[in-house]
Amino acid sequence: MGDQKHGGLCPIREFSRHLVGFCEETEHQVNQLRSRLGALGTSTWTDQNHHTYHGKFEESAGQLLRTIQAFREEQSIRLDQLAQQYEDVIY
């Protein structure tokens, strides 16, 4: 316990930092996929197929991003509370 008193981040805050990084990277990857889909344009499929798929993809990508954002916010709040409790006891 002595090492935790004087060194480094609280392990819970460290985990929270990794969770936020994971969420940010996932959001970045989703947005890259959006860009790549847009870059495909209609050169590889018909306008109607592109329009239909693009709409469904955007709807799903939007849902995924909203879920990730809500997850990050919810978990960050809870982890901050747990970290504060931990730090109150340790420090």
Protein backbone atom coordinates (compact mmCIF):
# COMPACT_ATOMS: atom_id res chain seq x y z
CA MET A 1 0.00 0.00 0.00
CA GLY A 2 2.95 2.35 0.60
CA ASP A 3 3.79 2.51 -3.13
CA GLN A 4 0.23 3.52 -3.98
CA LYS A 5 0.31 6.38 -1.47
CA HIS A 6 3.18 8.17 -3.15
CA GLY A 7 3.30 7.09 -6.75
CA GLY A 8 1.34 7.21 -9.93
CA LEU A 9 -2.30 7.45 -10.73
CA CYS A 10 -4.97 5.78 -8.68
CA PRO A 11 -5.57 2.43 -10.45
CA ILE A 12 -9.24 3.33 -10.96
CA ARG A 13 -8.30 6.63 -12.64
CA GLU A 14 -5.80 4.76 -14.79
CA PHE A 15 -8.54 2.36 -15.91
CA SER A 16 -10.86 5.32 -16.58
CA ARG A 17 -8.19 6.94 -18.75
CA HIS A 18 -7.88 3.73 -20.80
CA LEU A 19 -11.64 3.42 -21.13
CA VAL A 20 -11.90 7.00 -22.43
CA GLY A 21 -9.04 6.33 -24.86
CA PHE A 22 -10.80 3.21 -26.12
CA CYS A 23 -14.02 5.13 -26.68
CA GLU A 24 -12.21 7.97 -28.48
CA GLU A 25 -10.34 5.52 -30.72
CA THR A 26 -13.57 3.66 -31.54
CA GLU A 27 -15.30 6.94 -32.41
CA HIS A 28 -12.35 7.87 -34.62
CA GLN A 29 -12.51 4.51 -36.41
CA VAL A 30 -16.26 4.85 -37.01
CA ASN A 31 -15.72 8.30 -38.49
CA GLN A 32 -12.94 6.97 -40.72
CA LEU A 33 -15.33 4.30 -42.01
CA ARG A 34 -17.88 7.02 -42.72
CA SER A 35 -15.29 8.90 -44.76
CA ARG A 36 -14.25 5.80 -46.66
CA LEU A 37 -17.84 5.00 -47.50
CA GLY A 38 -18.35 8.55 -48.75
CA ALA A 39 -15.22 8.27 -50.86
CA LEU A 40 -16.57 5.17 -52.57
CA GLY A 41 -19.22 7.34 -54.12
CA THR A 42 -21.24 5.65 -56.79
CA SER A 43 -18.36 4.37 -58.89
CA THR A 44 -18.65 0.82 -57.57
CA TRP A 45 -22.41 0.46 -57.35
CA THR A 46 -25.60 2.03 -58.57
CA ASP A 47 -26.84 5.33 -57.17
CA GLN A 48 -29.83 3.59 -55.58
CA ASN A 49 -27.71 0.88 -53.93
CA HIS A 50 -25.26 3.49 -52.65
CA HIS A 51 -28.03 5.70 -51.33
CA THR A 52 -29.81 2.80 -49.60
CA TYR A 53 -26.67 1.38 -48.02
CA HIS A 54 -25.30 4.80 -47.08
CA GLY A 55 -28.53 5.67 -45.26
CA LYS A 56 -28.57 2.43 -43.30
CA PHE A 57 -24.87 2.69 -42.50
CA GLU A 58 -25.22 6.28 -41.27
CA GLU A 59 -28.16 5.31 -39.07
CA SER A 60 -26.22 2.43 -37.53
CA ALA A 61 -23.02 4.45 -37.17
CA GLY A 62 -24.97 7.23 -35.45
CA GLN A 63 -26.50 4.75 -33.02
CA LEU A 64 -23.10 3.26 -32.30
CA LEU A 65 -21.54 6.68 -31.65
CA ARG A 66 -24.38 7.72 -29.36
CA THR A 67 -24.03 4.44 -27.44
CA ILE A 68 -20.29 4.89 -27.06
CA GLN A 69 -20.70 8.49 -25.89
CA ALA A 70 -23.35 7.52 -23.34
CA PHE A 71 -21.21 4.58 -22.16
CA ARG A 72 -18.15 6.83 -21.75
CA GLU A 73 -20.08 9.47 -19.82
CA GLU A 74 -21.83 6.96 -17.57
CA GLN A 75 -18.69 4.97 -16.81
CA SER A 76 -16.52 8.06 -16.32
CA ILE A 77 -18.90 9.46 -13.71
CA ARG A 78 -19.05 6.16 -11.85
CA LEU A 79 -15.31 5.60 -12.04
CA ASP A 80 -14.62 9.14 -10.77
CA GLN A 81 -16.85 8.41 -7.78
CA LEU A 82 -15.09 5.13 -7.10
CA ALA A 83 -11.67 6.72 -7.51
CA GLN A 84 -12.58 9.46 -5.05
CA GLN A 85 -13.68 6.85 -2.51
CA TYR A 86 -10.43 4.94 -3.08
CA GLU A 87 -8.31 8.07 -2.72
CA ASP A 88 -10.14 9.13 0.44
CA VAL A 89 -9.17 5.81 2.03
CA ILE A 90 -5.62 5.50 0.63
CA TYR A 91 -4.47 9.09 0.86
